[in-house]
PDB file of all heavy atoms in Angstrom:
ATOM      1  N   GLY A   1     -27.600  43.605  29.867  1.00  0.00           N
ATOM      2  CA  GLY A   1     -28.418  43.003  28.856  1.00  0.00           C
ATOM      3  C   GLY A   1     -29.756  42.565  29.331  1.00  0.00           C
ATOM      4  O   GLY A   1     -30.762  42.734  28.656  1.00  0.00           O
ATOM      5  N   LEU A   2     -29.795  42.085  30.589  1.00  0.00           N
ATOM      6  CA  LEU A   2     -31.122  41.697  31.198  1.00  0.00           C
ATOM      7  C   LEU A   2     -31.991  42.895  31.469  1.00  0.00           C
ATOM      8  O   LEU A   2     -33.176  42.898  31.288  1.00  0.00           O
ATOM      9  CB  LEU A   2     -30.886  40.889  32.472  1.00  0.00           C
ATOM     10  CG  LEU A   2     -30.285  39.480  32.249  1.00  0.00           C
ATOM     11  CD1 LEU A   2     -29.985  38.896  33.659  1.00  0.00           C
ATOM     12  CD2 LEU A   2     -31.219  38.575  31.515  1.00  0.00           C
ATOM     13  N   ALA A   3     -31.317  43.984  31.942  1.00  0.00           N
ATOM     14  CA  ALA A   3     -32.064  45.259  32.253  1.00  0.00           C
ATOM     15  C   ALA A   3     -32.633  45.884  30.985  1.00  0.00           C
ATOM     16  O   ALA A   3     -33.759  46.362  30.977  1.00  0.00           O
ATOM     17  CB  ALA A   3     -31.201  46.178  33.000  1.00  0.00           C
ATOM     18  N   GLY A   4     -31.811  45.964  29.950  1.00  0.00           N
ATOM     19  CA  GLY A   4     -32.242  46.577  28.717  1.00  0.00           C
ATOM     20  C   GLY A   4     -32.722  47.994  28.885  1.00  0.00           C
ATOM     21  O   GLY A   4     -33.708  48.369  28.232  1.00  0.00           O
ATOM     22  N   SER A   5     -32.006  48.739  29.698  1.00  0.00           N
ATOM     23  CA  SER A   5     -32.454  50.104  30.035  1.00  0.00           C
ATOM     24  C   SER A   5     -31.285  51.084  29.694  1.00  0.00           C
ATOM     25  O   SER A   5     -30.165  50.794  29.884  1.00  0.00           O
ATOM     26  CB  SER A   5     -32.840  50.226  31.490  1.00  0.00           C
ATOM     27  OG  SER A   5     -33.048  51.554  31.835  1.00  0.00           O
ATOM     28  N   ARG A   6     -31.686  52.298  29.236  1.00  0.00           N
ATOM     29  CA  ARG A   6     -30.699  53.322  28.978  1.00  0.00           C
ATOM     30  C   ARG A   6     -29.981  53.783  30.302  1.00  0.00           C
ATOM     31  O   ARG A   6     -28.906  54.322  30.269  1.00  0.00           O
ATOM     32  CB  ARG A   6     -31.388  54.520  28.335  1.00  0.00           C
ATOM     33  CG  ARG A   6     -30.493  55.686  27.973  1.00  0.00           C
ATOM     34  CD  ARG A   6     -31.293  56.669  27.125  1.00  0.00           C
ATOM     35  NE  ARG A   6     -30.429  57.845  26.817  1.00  0.00           N
ATOM     36  CZ  ARG A   6     -30.488  58.977  27.527  1.00  0.00           C
ATOM     37  NH1 ARG A   6     -31.289  59.076  28.585  1.00  0.00           N
ATOM     38  NH2 ARG A   6     -29.713  60.027  27.207  1.00  0.00           N
ATOM     39  N   ALA A   7     -30.705  53.536  31.417  1.00  0.00           N
ATOM     40  CA  ALA A   7     -30.157  53.936  32.695  1.00  0.00           C
ATOM     41  C   ALA A   7     -29.099  52.952  33.210  1.00  0.00           C
ATOM     42  O   ALA A   7     -28.402  53.258  34.197  1.00  0.00           O
ATOM     43  CB  ALA A   7     -31.286  54.016  33.768  1.00  0.00           C
ATOM     44  N   PHE A   8     -28.917  51.798  32.515  1.00  0.00           N
ATOM     45  CA  PHE A   8     -27.910  50.861  32.894  1.00  0.00           C
ATOM     46  C   PHE A   8     -27.184  50.369  31.660  1.00  0.00           C
ATOM     47  O   PHE A   8     -27.414  49.275  31.135  1.00  0.00           O
ATOM     48  CB  PHE A   8     -28.556  49.669  33.598  1.00  0.00           C
ATOM     49  CG  PHE A   8     -27.563  48.747  34.339  1.00  0.00           C
ATOM     50  CD1 PHE A   8     -26.266  49.157  34.463  1.00  0.00           C
ATOM     51  CD2 PHE A   8     -27.970  47.550  34.769  1.00  0.00           C
ATOM     52  CE1 PHE A   8     -25.335  48.296  35.163  1.00  0.00           C
ATOM     53  CE2 PHE A   8     -27.092  46.648  35.402  1.00  0.00           C
ATOM     54  CZ  PHE A   8     -25.742  47.045  35.601  1.00  0.00           C
ATOM     55  N   PRO A   9     -26.316  51.205  31.071  1.00  0.00           N
ATOM     56  CA  PRO A   9     -25.662  50.873  29.794  1.00  0.00           C
ATOM     57  C   PRO A   9     -24.616  49.733  29.977  1.00  0.00           C
ATOM     58  O   PRO A   9     -24.045  49.594  31.015  1.00  0.00           O
ATOM     59  CB  PRO A   9     -24.961  52.135  29.403  1.00  0.00           C
ATOM     60  CG  PRO A   9     -24.702  52.862  30.727  1.00  0.00           C
ATOM     61  CD  PRO A   9     -25.847  52.495  31.594  1.00  0.00           C
ATOM     62  N   PRO A  10     -24.416  48.999  28.895  1.00  0.00           N
ATOM     63  CA  PRO A  10     -23.370  47.894  28.972  1.00  0.00           C
ATOM     64  C   PRO A  10     -21.985  48.465  28.891  1.00  0.00           C
ATOM     65  O   PRO A  10     -21.780  49.629  28.524  1.00  0.00           O
ATOM     66  CB  PRO A  10     -23.709  47.043  27.753  1.00  0.00           C
ATOM     67  CG  PRO A  10     -24.384  48.007  26.828  1.00  0.00           C
ATOM     68  CD  PRO A  10     -25.088  48.969  27.641  1.00  0.00           C
ATOM     69  N   PRO A  11     -20.965  47.676  29.191  1.00  0.00           N
ATOM     70  CA  PRO A  11     -19.597  48.187  29.151  1.00  0.00           C
ATOM     71  C   PRO A  11     -19.157  48.749  27.837  1.00  0.00           C
ATOM     72  O   PRO A  11     -18.416  49.745  27.785  1.00  0.00           O
ATOM     73  CB  PRO A  11     -18.765  46.921  29.563  1.00  0.00           C
ATOM     74  CG  PRO A  11     -19.654  46.031  30.231  1.00  0.00           C
ATOM     75  CD  PRO A  11     -21.086  46.245  29.660  1.00  0.00           C
ATOM     76  N   GLN A  12     -19.633  48.138  26.759  1.00  0.00           N
ATOM     77  CA  GLN A  12     -19.146  48.644  25.400  1.00  0.00           C
ATOM     78  C   GLN A  12     -19.617  50.039  25.109  1.00  0.00           C
ATOM     79  O   GLN A  12     -18.952  50.798  24.453  1.00  0.00           O
ATOM     80  CB  GLN A  12     -19.596  47.681  24.302  1.00  0.00           C
ATOM     81  CG  GLN A  12     -21.088  47.521  24.194  1.00  0.00           C
ATOM     82  CD  GLN A  12     -21.590  46.275  24.940  1.00  0.00           C
ATOM     83  OE1 GLN A  12     -20.959  45.883  25.914  1.00  0.00           O
ATOM     84  NE2 GLN A  12     -22.689  45.708  24.517  1.00  0.00           N
ATOM     85  N   ASP A  13     -20.789  50.438  25.649  1.00  0.00           N
ATOM     86  CA  ASP A  13     -21.289  51.796  25.471  1.00  0.00           C
ATOM     87  C   ASP A  13     -20.441  52.789  26.246  1.00  0.00           C
ATOM     88  O   ASP A  13     -20.138  53.845  25.742  1.00  0.00           O
ATOM     89  CB  ASP A  13     -22.777  51.893  25.909  1.00  0.00           C
ATOM     90  CG  ASP A  13     -23.715  51.189  24.968  1.00  0.00           C
ATOM     91  OD1 ASP A  13     -23.211  50.642  23.944  1.00  0.00           O
ATOM     92  OD2 ASP A  13     -24.912  51.178  25.233  1.00  0.00           O
ATOM     93  N   VAL A  14     -20.073  52.408  27.449  1.00  0.00           N
ATOM     94  CA  VAL A  14     -19.198  53.269  28.272  1.00  0.00           C
ATOM     95  C   VAL A  14     -17.854  53.417  27.600  1.00  0.00           C
ATOM     96  O   VAL A  14     -17.273  54.497  27.542  1.00  0.00           O
ATOM     97  CB  VAL A  14     -19.106  52.700  29.677  1.00  0.00           C
ATOM     98  CG1 VAL A  14     -18.181  53.547  30.513  1.00  0.00           C
ATOM     99  CG2 VAL A  14     -20.459  52.646  30.374  1.00  0.00           C
ATOM    100  N   LEU A  15     -17.304  52.300  27.135  1.00  0.00           N
ATOM    101  CA  LEU A  15     -16.018  52.358  26.464  1.00  0.00           C
ATOM    102  C   LEU A  15     -16.078  53.223  25.177  1.00  0.00           C
ATOM    103  O   LEU A  15     -15.116  53.966  24.964  1.00  0.00           O
ATOM    104  CB  LEU A  15     -15.590  50.938  26.111  1.00  0.00           C
ATOM    105  CG  LEU A  15     -14.252  50.800  25.369  1.00  0.00           C
ATOM    106  CD1 LEU A  15     -13.118  51.367  26.290  1.00  0.00           C
ATOM    107  CD2 LEU A  15     -13.921  49.370  25.033  1.00  0.00           C
ATOM    108  N   ALA A  16     -17.135  53.144  24.469  1.00  0.00           N
ATOM    109  CA  ALA A  16     -17.277  53.956  23.245  1.00  0.00           C
ATOM    110  C   ALA A  16     -17.319  55.436  23.587  1.00  0.00           C
ATOM    111  O   ALA A  16     -16.750  56.255  22.909  1.00  0.00           O
ATOM    112  CB  ALA A  16     -18.561  53.544  22.500  1.00  0.00           C
ATOM    113  N   PHE A  17     -17.984  55.771  24.669  1.00  0.00           N
ATOM    114  CA  PHE A  17     -18.020  57.170  25.119  1.00  0.00           C
ATOM    115  C   PHE A  17     -16.608  57.621  25.559  1.00  0.00           C
ATOM    116  O   PHE A  17     -16.223  58.745  25.212  1.00  0.00           O
ATOM    117  CB  PHE A  17     -18.960  57.351  26.297  1.00  0.00           C
ATOM    118  CG  PHE A  17     -18.947  58.716  26.896  1.00  0.00           C
ATOM    119  CD1 PHE A  17     -19.619  59.791  26.362  1.00  0.00           C
ATOM    120  CD2 PHE A  17     -18.132  58.950  28.081  1.00  0.00           C
ATOM    121  CE1 PHE A  17     -19.579  61.034  26.916  1.00  0.00           C
ATOM    122  CE2 PHE A  17     -18.098  60.246  28.573  1.00  0.00           C
ATOM    123  CZ  PHE A  17     -18.779  61.302  28.026  1.00  0.00           C
ATOM    124  N   ILE A  18     -15.901  56.823  26.263  1.00  0.00           N
ATOM    125  CA  ILE A  18     -14.529  57.200  26.675  1.00  0.00           C
ATOM    126  C   ILE A  18     -13.623  57.448  25.497  1.00  0.00           C
ATOM    127  O   ILE A  18     -12.865  58.415  25.427  1.00  0.00           O
ATOM    128  CB  ILE A  18     -13.935  56.086  27.586  1.00  0.00           C
ATOM    129  CG1 ILE A  18     -14.689  56.044  28.918  1.00  0.00           C
ATOM    130  CG2 ILE A  18     -12.449  56.358  27.858  1.00  0.00           C
ATOM    131  CD1 ILE A  18     -14.268  54.874  29.842  1.00  0.00           C
ATOM    132  N   VAL A  19     -13.700  56.574  24.495  1.00  0.00           N
ATOM    133  CA  VAL A  19     -12.947  56.725  23.278  1.00  0.00           C
ATOM    134  C   VAL A  19     -13.276  58.008  22.543  1.00  0.00           C
ATOM    135  O   VAL A  19     -12.338  58.782  22.120  1.00  0.00           O
ATOM    136  CB  VAL A  19     -13.099  55.521  22.350  1.00  0.00           C
ATOM    137  CG1 VAL A  19     -12.437  55.718  20.969  1.00  0.00           C
ATOM    138  CG2 VAL A  19     -12.528  54.257  23.003  1.00  0.00           C
ATOM    139  N   THR A  20     -14.566  58.314  22.443  1.00  0.00           N
ATOM    140  CA  THR A  20     -14.983  59.554  21.770  1.00  0.00           C
ATOM    141  C   THR A  20     -14.519  60.775  22.493  1.00  0.00           C
ATOM    142  O   THR A  20     -14.000  61.730  21.875  1.00  0.00           O
ATOM    143  CB  THR A  20     -16.512  59.583  21.675  1.00  0.00           C
ATOM    144  OG1 THR A  20     -17.013  58.418  20.935  1.00  0.00           O
ATOM    145  CG2 THR A  20     -16.983  60.828  20.933  1.00  0.00           C
ATOM    146  N   GLU A  21     -14.643  60.807  23.809  1.00  0.00           N
ATOM    147  CA  GLU A  21     -14.200  61.977  24.622  1.00  0.00           C
ATOM    148  C   GLU A  21     -12.685  62.129  24.542  1.00  0.00           C
ATOM    149  O   GLU A  21     -12.158  63.220  24.540  1.00  0.00           O
ATOM    150  CB  GLU A  21     -14.693  61.776  26.042  1.00  0.00           C
ATOM    151  CG  GLU A  21     -16.162  61.995  26.257  1.00  0.00           C
ATOM    152  CD  GLU A  21     -16.617  63.430  26.055  1.00  0.00           C
ATOM    153  OE1 GLU A  21     -16.291  64.313  26.874  1.00  0.00           O
ATOM    154  OE2 GLU A  21     -17.252  63.704  25.016  1.00  0.00           O
ATOM    155  N   ALA A  22     -11.963  60.986  24.591  1.00  0.00           N
ATOM    156  CA  ALA A  22     -10.537  61.048  24.526  1.00  0.00           C
ATOM    157  C   ALA A  22     -10.090  61.595  23.168  1.00  0.00           C
ATOM    158  O   ALA A  22      -9.139  62.423  23.100  1.00  0.00           O
ATOM    159  CB  ALA A  22      -9.963  59.669  24.762  1.00  0.00           C
ATOM    160  N   ALA A  23     -10.724  61.183  22.107  1.00  0.00           N
ATOM    161  CA  ALA A  23     -10.370  61.654  20.746  1.00  0.00           C
ATOM    162  C   ALA A  23     -10.646  63.166  20.590  1.00  0.00           C
ATOM    163  O   ALA A  23      -9.869  63.868  19.905  1.00  0.00           O
ATOM    164  CB  ALA A  23     -11.197  60.905  19.729  1.00  0.00           C
ATOM    165  N   SER A  24     -11.650  63.712  21.267  1.00  0.00           N
ATOM    166  CA  SER A  24     -11.982  65.120  21.133  1.00  0.00           C
ATOM    167  C   SER A  24     -11.071  66.008  22.046  1.00  0.00           C
ATOM    168  O   SER A  24     -11.060  67.206  21.916  1.00  0.00           O
ATOM    169  CB  SER A  24     -13.458  65.351  21.522  1.00  0.00           C
ATOM    170  OG  SER A  24     -13.688  65.117  22.888  1.00  0.00           O
ATOM    171  N   GLY A  25     -10.393  65.376  22.999  1.00  0.00           N
ATOM    172  CA  GLY A  25      -9.567  66.114  23.970  1.00  0.00           C
ATOM    173  C   GLY A  25     -10.280  66.565  25.232  1.00  0.00           C
ATOM    174  O   GLY A  25      -9.663  67.011  26.145  1.00  0.00           O
TER     175      GLY A  25
END
């Protein structure tokens, strides 16, 4: 949150990517 950079995403963004990739197989 302090960095506010795309190069340092928060945990919820990483979790959202994992869920999307898992759903697609």
